[in-house]
Amino acid sequence: MRKIRSGDTVLVTSGRNKGQQGKVRINQIDRDRIVIEGVNMVTKHIKRGRARQAGLVKMEAPLHVSNVMLVCPSCKQPTRVGVRTGDDGKNARYCKKCDAWIPRPEAD
């Protein structure tokens, strides 16, 4: 079970973007990386194509999962995430600070 999913709010804990918060847009499970809205912005040089203009484009680059912490929706603090078996027999995430269940994020 993944402890950080797309749609979760996370806080960056290390690196150049330390302290920034954002929502997870893309979760690259095979590479253990996530893309966060408005965090880790890089400038990319884009070559001209058929339908696009050449130039500089600002975009979000992926961060490693170990450099972020989930922000608990109930206590609003960055926390570690645990996994327990819920009432329905499925695994569910919970906050290790306030011991509250973390609901599944809504799909956009």
C-alpha atoms as a PDB file:
ATOM      1  CA  MET A   1       0.000   0.000   0.000  1.00  0.00           C
ATOM      2  CA  ARG A   2       1.296   3.450  -0.923  1.00  0.00           C
ATOM      3  CA  LYS A   3       1.459   5.922   1.947  1.00  0.00           C
ATOM      4  CA  ILE A   4       1.336   8.984  -0.341  1.00  0.00           C
ATOM      5  CA  ARG A   5      -1.210   9.068  -3.158  1.00  0.00           C
ATOM      6  CA  SER A   6      -2.249  11.474  -5.897  1.00  0.00           C
ATOM      7  CA  GLY A   7      -4.420  14.234  -4.439  1.00  0.00           C
ATOM      8  CA  ASP A   8      -2.764  14.254  -0.986  1.00  0.00           C
ATOM      9  CA  THR A   9      -1.347  17.462   0.479  1.00  0.00           C
ATOM     10  CA  VAL A  10       2.342  17.100   1.315  1.00  0.00           C
ATOM     11  CA  LEU A  11       5.138  19.190   2.856  1.00  0.00           C
ATOM     12  CA  VAL A  12       8.670  19.125   1.423  1.00  0.00           C
ATOM     13  CA  THR A  13      11.097  18.254   4.251  1.00  0.00           C
ATOM     14  CA  SER A  14      14.500  18.579   2.561  1.00  0.00           C
ATOM     15  CA  GLY A  15      16.279  20.116  -0.384  1.00  0.00           C
ATOM     16  CA  ARG A  16      15.966  23.395  -2.208  1.00  0.00           C
ATOM     17  CA  ASN A  17      12.163  23.536  -1.745  1.00  0.00           C
ATOM     18  CA  LYS A  18      12.118  22.735   1.992  1.00  0.00           C
ATOM     19  CA  GLY A  19       9.005  24.072   3.735  1.00  0.00           C
ATOM     20  CA  GLN A  20       6.803  24.335   0.641  1.00  0.00           C
ATOM     21  CA  GLN A  21       3.397  22.658   0.599  1.00  0.00           C
ATOM     22  CA  GLY A  22       1.348  21.443  -2.323  1.00  0.00           C
ATOM     23  CA  LYS A  23      -0.988  18.843  -3.714  1.00  0.00           C
ATOM     24  CA  VAL A  24       0.393  15.684  -5.350  1.00  0.00           C
ATOM     25  CA  ARG A  25      -0.405  15.726  -9.080  1.00  0.00           C
ATOM     26  CA  ILE A  26       1.425  12.643 -10.368  1.00  0.00           C
ATOM     27  CA  ASN A  27       2.647   9.602  -8.437  1.00  0.00           C
ATOM     28  CA  GLN A  28       5.389   7.693 -10.282  1.00  0.00           C
ATOM     29  CA  ILE A  29       5.254   4.471  -8.243  1.00  0.00           C
ATOM     30  CA  ASP A  30       7.889   2.576 -10.258  1.00  0.00           C
ATOM     31  CA  ARG A  31      10.469   5.366  -9.740  1.00  0.00           C
ATOM     32  CA  ASP A  32       9.421   6.339  -6.132  1.00  0.00           C
ATOM     33  CA  ARG A  33       8.885   9.939  -7.236  1.00  0.00           C
ATOM     34  CA  ILE A  34       5.999  12.407  -7.074  1.00  0.00           C
ATOM     35  CA  VAL A  35       5.159  15.667  -8.839  1.00  0.00           C
ATOM     36  CA  ILE A  36       3.721  18.411  -6.601  1.00  0.00           C
ATOM     37  CA  GLU A  37       1.737  21.420  -7.857  1.00  0.00           C
ATOM     38  CA  GLY A  38       3.857  24.601  -7.817  1.00  0.00           C
ATOM     39  CA  VAL A  39       6.875  22.969  -6.124  1.00  0.00           C
ATOM     40  CA  ASN A  40      10.329  22.203  -7.586  1.00  0.00           C
ATOM     41  CA  MET A  41       9.860  24.426 -10.635  1.00  0.00           C
ATOM     42  CA  VAL A  42      12.529  24.035 -13.326  1.00  0.00           C
ATOM     43  CA  THR A  43      13.103  25.802 -16.652  1.00  0.00           C
ATOM     44  CA  LYS A  44      13.183  23.517 -19.645  1.00  0.00           C
ATOM     45  CA  HIS A  45      14.345  24.378 -23.162  1.00  0.00           C
ATOM     46  CA  ILE A  46      11.747  23.109 -25.643  1.00  0.00           C
ATOM     47  CA  LYS A  47      12.605  22.470 -29.282  1.00  0.00           C
ATOM     48  CA  ARG A  48      10.137  23.647 -31.905  1.00  0.00           C
ATOM     49  CA  GLY A  49       7.659  21.004 -33.034  1.00  0.00           C
ATOM     50  CA  ARG A  50       4.708  20.878 -35.398  1.00  0.00           C
ATOM     51  CA  ALA A  51       2.148  22.265 -32.996  1.00  0.00           C
ATOM     52  CA  ARG A  52       4.303  24.100 -30.454  1.00  0.00           C
ATOM     53  CA  GLN A  53       6.586  27.087 -30.248  1.00  0.00           C
ATOM     54  CA  ALA A  54      10.245  26.814 -29.232  1.00  0.00           C
ATOM     55  CA  GLY A  55      11.438  28.494 -26.045  1.00  0.00           C
ATOM     56  CA  LEU A  56      11.736  28.243 -22.296  1.00  0.00           C
ATOM     57  CA  VAL A  57       8.981  26.502 -20.354  1.00  0.00           C
ATOM     58  CA  LYS A  58       8.608  26.402 -16.565  1.00  0.00           C
ATOM     59  CA  MET A  59       7.396  23.048 -15.270  1.00  0.00           C
ATOM     60  CA  GLU A  60       7.350  20.955 -12.093  1.00  0.00           C
ATOM     61  CA  ALA A  61      10.072  18.334 -11.744  1.00  0.00           C
ATOM     62  CA  PRO A  62       9.581  15.126  -9.733  1.00  0.00           C
ATOM     63  CA  LEU A  63      10.775  14.830  -6.119  1.00  0.00           C
ATOM     64  CA  HIS A  64      11.697  11.628  -4.308  1.00  0.00           C
ATOM     65  CA  VAL A  65       9.012  10.313  -1.939  1.00  0.00           C
ATOM     66  CA  SER A  66      11.464  10.270   0.988  1.00  0.00           C
ATOM     67  CA  ASN A  67      11.775  14.079   0.820  1.00  0.00           C
ATOM     68  CA  VAL A  68       8.113  14.782   1.600  1.00  0.00           C
ATOM     69  CA  MET A  69       5.699  14.203   4.496  1.00  0.00           C
ATOM     70  CA  LEU A  70       1.938  13.877   4.314  1.00  0.00           C
ATOM     71  CA  VAL A  71      -0.056  16.695   5.942  1.00  0.00           C
ATOM     72  CA  CYS A  72      -2.825  15.123   8.032  1.00  0.00           C
ATOM     73  CA  PRO A  73      -6.282  16.439   7.048  1.00  0.00           C
ATOM     74  CA  SER A  74      -7.563  16.346  10.649  1.00  0.00           C
ATOM     75  CA  CYS A  75      -4.647  17.787  12.691  1.00  0.00           C
ATOM     76  CA  LYS A  76      -3.136  19.846   9.799  1.00  0.00           C
ATOM     77  CA  GLN A  77       0.430  18.823  10.723  1.00  0.00           C
ATOM     78  CA  PRO A  78       3.063  16.922   8.732  1.00  0.00           C
ATOM     79  CA  THR A  79       3.041  13.355   9.965  1.00  0.00           C
ATOM     80  CA  ARG A  80       4.234   9.848   9.362  1.00  0.00           C
ATOM     81  CA  VAL A  81       1.653   7.478   7.948  1.00  0.00           C
ATOM     82  CA  GLY A  82       0.760   4.054   9.279  1.00  0.00           C
ATOM     83  CA  VAL A  83      -1.319   1.280   7.746  1.00  0.00           C
ATOM     84  CA  ARG A  84      -3.990  -0.680   9.620  1.00  0.00           C
ATOM     85  CA  THR A  85      -6.731  -3.064   8.660  1.00  0.00           C
ATOM     86  CA  GLY A  86     -10.004  -1.157   8.691  1.00  0.00           C
ATOM     87  CA  ASP A  87     -13.498  -2.255   9.744  1.00  0.00           C
ATOM     88  CA  ASP A  88     -14.236  -3.506   6.222  1.00  0.00           C
ATOM     89  CA  GLY A  89     -11.114  -5.735   6.178  1.00  0.00           C
ATOM     90  CA  LYS A  90      -9.158  -3.507   3.768  1.00  0.00           C
ATOM     91  CA  ASN A  91      -5.909  -1.724   4.577  1.00  0.00           C
ATOM     92  CA  ALA A  92      -6.347   1.956   5.450  1.00  0.00           C
ATOM     93  CA  ARG A  93      -3.930   4.778   6.287  1.00  0.00           C
ATOM     94  CA  TYR A  94      -3.848   6.596   9.616  1.00  0.00           C
ATOM     95  CA  CYS A  95      -1.998   9.563  11.131  1.00  0.00           C
ATOM     96  CA  LYS A  96       0.653   8.592  13.682  1.00  0.00           C
ATOM     97  CA  LYS A  97       0.302  11.938  15.542  1.00  0.00           C
ATOM     98  CA  CYS A  98      -3.445  12.186  16.124  1.00  0.00           C
ATOM     99  CA  ASP A  99      -4.342   8.520  15.383  1.00  0.00           C
ATOM    100  CA  ALA A 100      -7.098   9.569  12.928  1.00  0.00           C
ATOM    101  CA  TRP A 101      -7.943   7.717   9.712  1.00  0.00           C
ATOM    102  CA  ILE A 102      -6.749   9.395   6.513  1.00  0.00           C
ATOM    103  CA  PRO A 103      -9.482   9.278   3.866  1.00  0.00           C
ATOM    104  CA  ARG A 104      -8.777   8.469   0.233  1.00  0.00           C
ATOM    105  CA  PRO A 105      -8.147  11.665  -1.760  1.00  0.00           C
ATOM    106  CA  GLU A 106     -10.839  12.642  -4.256  1.00  0.00           C
ATOM    107  CA  ALA A 107      -9.941  12.062  -7.882  1.00  0.00           C
ATOM    108  CA  ASP A 108      -9.821  15.259  -9.946  1.00  0.00           C
END
